[in-house]
Amino acid sequence: MPLLLVLAFALSGCVRVRAAMAVDANDLISGTLEIATVQVKPEEIGPALTIPAELSSQVTMEPYKAEGYVGQTVRFTQLSFDQLRTLTESISSLTSRYRLNFRRSGDIVSLAGVADLTQLRPDGTDVQLKIAFPGPIGRTNGILEMDNNISWKLSPGRITDISATSQYNAESGMSWTRWVLLVGAGAVGTALIVLALALFTHRRSRRKEQMSEYV
């Protein structure tokens, strides 16, 4: 996964990688990645990432800057398992050390990965992963949260295995937008909340106008 592979840019430095993604009932993955390193000099902008041209309509990137970290926020929408792997490989070539793969067998979707963070020092390293599935979780070595969400906080100086299974078919689950909200894609969530409030305010104003016509 990009959240793990990007560590190649700063194996001995301070890294922040936060990922929130959701798998929908059609095996399409949407989410957000925050990939950054500590800014030492004013001109530093963090890791340089490359997005494959064939994914340009589904993947966007914008500058990230928060709490002394600088880098990129990568947002992706409805990528297939293979497309996610393509995105992974485009960000870093160290696929042998950092892996995260999704596979389907019947109604079972499995997640298997490994993260080698042995060369990262503890101070200033913040690596987190959240994934939501549209069906019940069968097993996982992550922290199981509500609504079929799983989270991992990866520890520097260690090799961590990542695994989970979920059972669902194409008729089960919710839309990917609901799942992205559940796993914490804040920008998307805020936009939808603002939109909902705006619609509510508009409808209430319209209702008052209609009532005044009869007074």
Protein backbone atom coordinates (compact mmCIF):
# COMPACT_ATOMS: atom_id res chain seq x y z
CA MET A 1 0.00 0.00 0.00
CA PRO A 2 1.11 3.58 -0.56
CA LEU A 3 0.88 4.31 3.15
CA LEU A 4 3.62 1.73 3.71
CA LEU A 5 5.64 1.97 0.53
CA VAL A 6 6.28 5.68 0.88
CA LEU A 7 8.56 4.96 3.82
CA ALA A 8 11.30 4.42 1.27
CA PHE A 9 11.62 8.18 1.00
CA ALA A 10 12.61 8.57 4.66
CA LEU A 11 13.65 5.26 6.16
CA SER A 12 15.57 6.90 8.97
CA GLY A 13 13.48 10.05 9.34
CA CYS A 14 10.15 11.12 10.80
CA VAL A 15 7.18 9.93 8.80
CA ARG A 16 3.41 10.40 8.94
CA VAL A 17 1.27 8.07 6.87
CA ARG A 18 -2.44 7.90 7.57
CA ALA A 19 -4.77 5.91 5.36
CA ALA A 20 -8.55 5.51 5.47
CA MET A 21 -10.18 3.36 2.83
CA ALA A 22 -13.40 1.51 2.19
CA VAL A 23 -14.19 -1.59 0.16
CA ASP A 24 -17.67 -1.57 -1.36
CA ALA A 25 -19.86 -4.54 -2.25
CA ASN A 26 -18.54 -4.54 -5.83
CA ASP A 27 -14.91 -4.90 -4.68
CA LEU A 28 -14.09 -1.27 -5.45
CA ILE A 29 -11.91 0.69 -3.04
CA SER A 30 -12.14 4.41 -2.24
CA GLY A 31 -10.28 6.43 0.34
CA THR A 32 -7.70 8.98 1.40
CA LEU A 33 -3.95 8.79 2.08
CA GLU A 34 -1.95 11.41 3.95
CA ILE A 35 1.75 10.90 3.20
CA ALA A 36 4.25 13.29 4.78
CA THR A 37 7.64 13.79 6.41
CA VAL A 38 8.82 16.34 8.97
CA GLN A 39 9.69 19.67 7.35
CA VAL A 40 13.28 20.60 8.23
CA LYS A 41 13.78 23.41 5.69
CA PRO A 42 11.15 25.91 4.43
CA GLU A 43 11.58 24.78 0.83
CA GLU A 44 10.87 21.12 1.60
CA ILE A 45 7.54 19.80 0.30
CA GLY A 46 7.74 16.16 1.38
CA PRO A 47 7.85 12.95 -0.68
CA ALA A 48 7.51 13.26 -4.45
CA LEU A 49 4.75 10.90 -5.58
CA THR A 50 3.78 9.78 -9.09
CA ILE A 51 0.22 8.88 -10.10
CA PRO A 52 -0.18 6.56 -13.13
CA ALA A 53 -1.72 8.32 -16.13
CA GLU A 54 -4.34 5.60 -16.52
CA LEU A 55 -5.66 6.35 -13.02
CA SER A 56 -5.80 10.15 -13.40
CA SER A 57 -9.61 10.19 -13.54
CA GLN A 58 -9.88 8.27 -10.24
CA VAL A 59 -6.91 9.57 -8.27
CA THR A 60 -6.19 13.16 -7.22
CA MET A 61 -3.35 14.67 -5.22
CA GLU A 62 -3.01 17.90 -3.25
CA PRO A 63 -0.39 19.37 -0.88
CA TYR A 64 -0.52 18.33 2.78
CA LYS A 65 0.81 20.45 5.65
CA ALA A 66 -0.01 19.95 9.32
CA GLU A 67 1.80 19.92 12.68
CA GLY A 68 5.24 20.30 11.14
CA TYR A 69 4.71 17.62 8.48
CA VAL A 70 4.60 18.30 4.73
CA GLY A 71 3.67 15.98 1.92
CA GLN A 72 0.69 14.95 -0.18
CA THR A 73 -2.94 13.97 0.32
CA VAL A 74 -3.94 11.32 -2.21
CA ARG A 75 -7.64 10.67 -2.78
CA PHE A 76 -8.84 7.74 -4.86
CA THR A 77 -12.30 6.66 -5.93
CA GLN A 78 -13.59 3.19 -6.79
CA LEU A 79 -10.34 1.46 -7.71
CA SER A 80 -10.36 -2.26 -8.42
CA PHE A 81 -7.99 -4.50 -6.50
CA ASP A 82 -5.63 -4.53 -9.51
CA GLN A 83 -5.80 -0.75 -9.91
CA LEU A 84 -4.93 -0.29 -6.25
CA ARG A 85 -1.90 -2.51 -6.80
CA THR A 86 -0.92 -0.35 -9.79
CA LEU A 87 -1.16 2.77 -7.64
CA THR A 88 0.96 1.07 -5.01
CA GLU A 89 3.72 0.15 -7.42
CA SER A 90 3.82 3.64 -8.92
CA ILE A 91 4.55 5.26 -5.57
CA SER A 92 7.45 3.04 -4.61
CA SER A 93 9.49 0.19 -6.03
CA LEU A 94 10.02 -1.49 -2.65
CA THR A 95 7.14 -3.90 -3.16
CA SER A 96 9.08 -6.75 -1.64
CA ARG A 97 9.23 -5.03 1.77
CA TYR A 98 5.81 -3.39 1.96
CA ARG A 99 2.74 -5.18 0.67
CA LEU A 100 -1.02 -5.01 1.03
CA ASN A 101 -3.18 -7.22 -1.21
CA PHE A 102 -6.93 -7.83 -1.50
CA ARG A 103 -8.30 -11.07 -2.96
CA ARG A 104 -11.73 -12.64 -3.43
CA SER A 105 -12.62 -16.33 -3.14
CA GLY A 106 -16.36 -16.93 -3.42
CA ASP A 107 -18.05 -14.64 -0.90
CA ILE A 108 -14.85 -14.19 1.10
CA VAL A 109 -12.58 -11.18 0.55
CA SER A 110 -9.21 -11.41 2.25
CA LEU A 111 -6.63 -8.79 3.06
CA ALA A 112 -2.99 -9.81 3.54
CA GLY A 113 0.04 -7.58 3.93
CA VAL A 114 3.30 -6.92 5.71
CA ALA A 115 5.10 -3.74 6.78
CA ASP A 116 8.80 -3.70 7.57
CA LEU A 117 9.35 -0.58 9.72
CA THR A 118 12.56 -1.80 11.31
CA GLN A 119 14.58 1.11 9.95
CA LEU A 120 12.29 3.82 11.31
CA ARG A 121 12.97 5.42 14.66
CA PRO A 122 10.09 5.77 17.16
CA ASP A 123 10.13 9.55 17.60
CA GLY A 124 8.12 11.43 14.99
CA THR A 125 6.77 8.33 13.26
CA ASP A 126 2.99 8.06 12.87
CA VAL A 127 1.70 5.25 10.63
CA GLN A 128 -2.00 4.35 10.79
CA LEU A 129 -4.38 2.33 8.63
CA LYS A 130 -8.18 2.10 8.70
CA ILE A 131 -10.26 -0.11 6.42
CA ALA A 132 -14.01 -0.64 6.26
CA PHE A 133 -15.69 -3.65 4.66
CA PRO A 134 -19.36 -3.91 3.57
CA GLY A 135 -19.81 -7.23 5.37
CA PRO A 136 -19.03 -8.87 8.72
CA ILE A 137 -15.40 -9.41 9.66
CA GLY A 138 -14.40 -13.06 9.93
CA ARG A 139 -10.94 -12.67 11.44
CA THR A 140 -8.31 -9.96 11.73
CA ASN A 141 -5.16 -9.07 13.64
CA GLY A 142 -6.21 -5.41 13.69
CA ILE A 143 -8.51 -3.61 16.11
CA LEU A 144 -12.13 -4.34 15.24
CA GLU A 145 -14.34 -1.27 15.53
CA MET A 146 -18.02 -0.65 14.93
CA ASP A 147 -19.64 -1.02 11.50
CA ASN A 148 -17.10 -3.57 10.26
CA ASN A 149 -14.18 -1.14 10.54
CA ILE A 150 -10.65 -2.34 11.29
CA SER A 151 -7.68 -0.20 12.32
CA TRP A 152 -3.94 -0.75 12.72
CA LYS A 153 -1.35 1.53 14.31
CA LEU A 154 1.96 0.27 12.98
CA SER A 155 4.97 0.38 15.27
CA PRO A 156 8.39 1.58 14.06
CA GLY A 157 11.27 -0.80 14.62
CA ARG A 158 9.11 -3.84 13.90
CA ILE A 159 7.81 -6.03 11.09
CA THR A 160 4.01 -6.09 11.24
CA ASP A 161 1.66 -8.51 9.48
CA ILE A 162 -1.72 -7.15 8.37
CA SER A 163 -4.61 -9.54 7.82
CA ALA A 164 -8.41 -9.63 7.71
CA THR A 165 -11.28 -11.45 6.05
CA SER A 166 -14.83 -10.29 5.31
CA GLN A 167 -17.82 -12.09 3.85
CA TYR A 168 -20.18 -10.34 1.45
CA ASN A 169 -21.54 -10.47 -2.09
CA ALA A 170 -22.52 -7.86 -4.68
CA GLU A 171 -25.99 -7.41 -3.16
CA SER A 172 -24.78 -6.73 0.38
CA GLY A 173 -23.44 -3.68 2.13
CA MET A 174 -23.78 0.05 1.59
CA SER A 175 -22.46 2.47 -0.99
CA TRP A 176 -18.78 3.37 -0.95
CA THR A 177 -19.54 6.95 0.11
CA ARG A 178 -21.09 5.74 3.38
CA TRP A 179 -18.08 3.57 4.09
CA VAL A 180 -15.59 6.34 3.37
CA LEU A 181 -17.42 8.47 5.94
CA LEU A 182 -17.28 5.65 8.47
CA VAL A 183 -13.52 5.21 8.19
CA GLY A 184 -12.88 8.89 8.68
CA ALA A 185 -12.28 10.62 5.35
CA GLY A 186 -12.88 13.99 6.98
CA ALA A 187 -12.83 16.20 3.89
CA VAL A 188 -15.51 14.14 2.16
CA GLY A 189 -17.56 13.95 5.34
CA THR A 190 -17.41 17.69 5.96
CA ALA A 191 -18.44 18.44 2.40
CA LEU A 192 -21.47 16.17 2.63
CA ILE A 193 -22.50 17.60 6.00
CA VAL A 194 -22.29 21.16 4.66
CA LEU A 195 -24.29 20.13 1.61
CA ALA A 196 -26.98 18.54 3.79
CA LEU A 197 -27.24 21.64 5.98
CA ALA A 198 -27.47 23.87 2.94
CA LEU A 199 -30.27 21.77 1.48
CA PHE A 200 -32.10 21.76 4.80
CA THR A 201 -31.81 25.55 5.12
CA HIS A 202 -32.97 26.04 1.54
CA ARG A 203 -35.99 23.81 2.01
CA ARG A 204 -36.94 25.52 5.27
CA SER A 205 -36.66 28.96 3.67
CA ARG A 206 -38.70 27.79 0.70
CA ARG A 207 -41.37 26.41 3.06
CA LYS A 208 -41.61 29.76 4.86
CA GLU A 209 -42.00 31.57 1.55
CA GLN A 210 -44.80 29.26 0.51
CA MET A 211 -46.60 29.74 3.85
CA SER A 212 -46.30 33.52 3.61
CA GLU A 213 -48.13 33.44 0.28
CA TYR A 214 -51.23 32.21 2.06
CA VAL A 215 -51.14 34.75 4.88
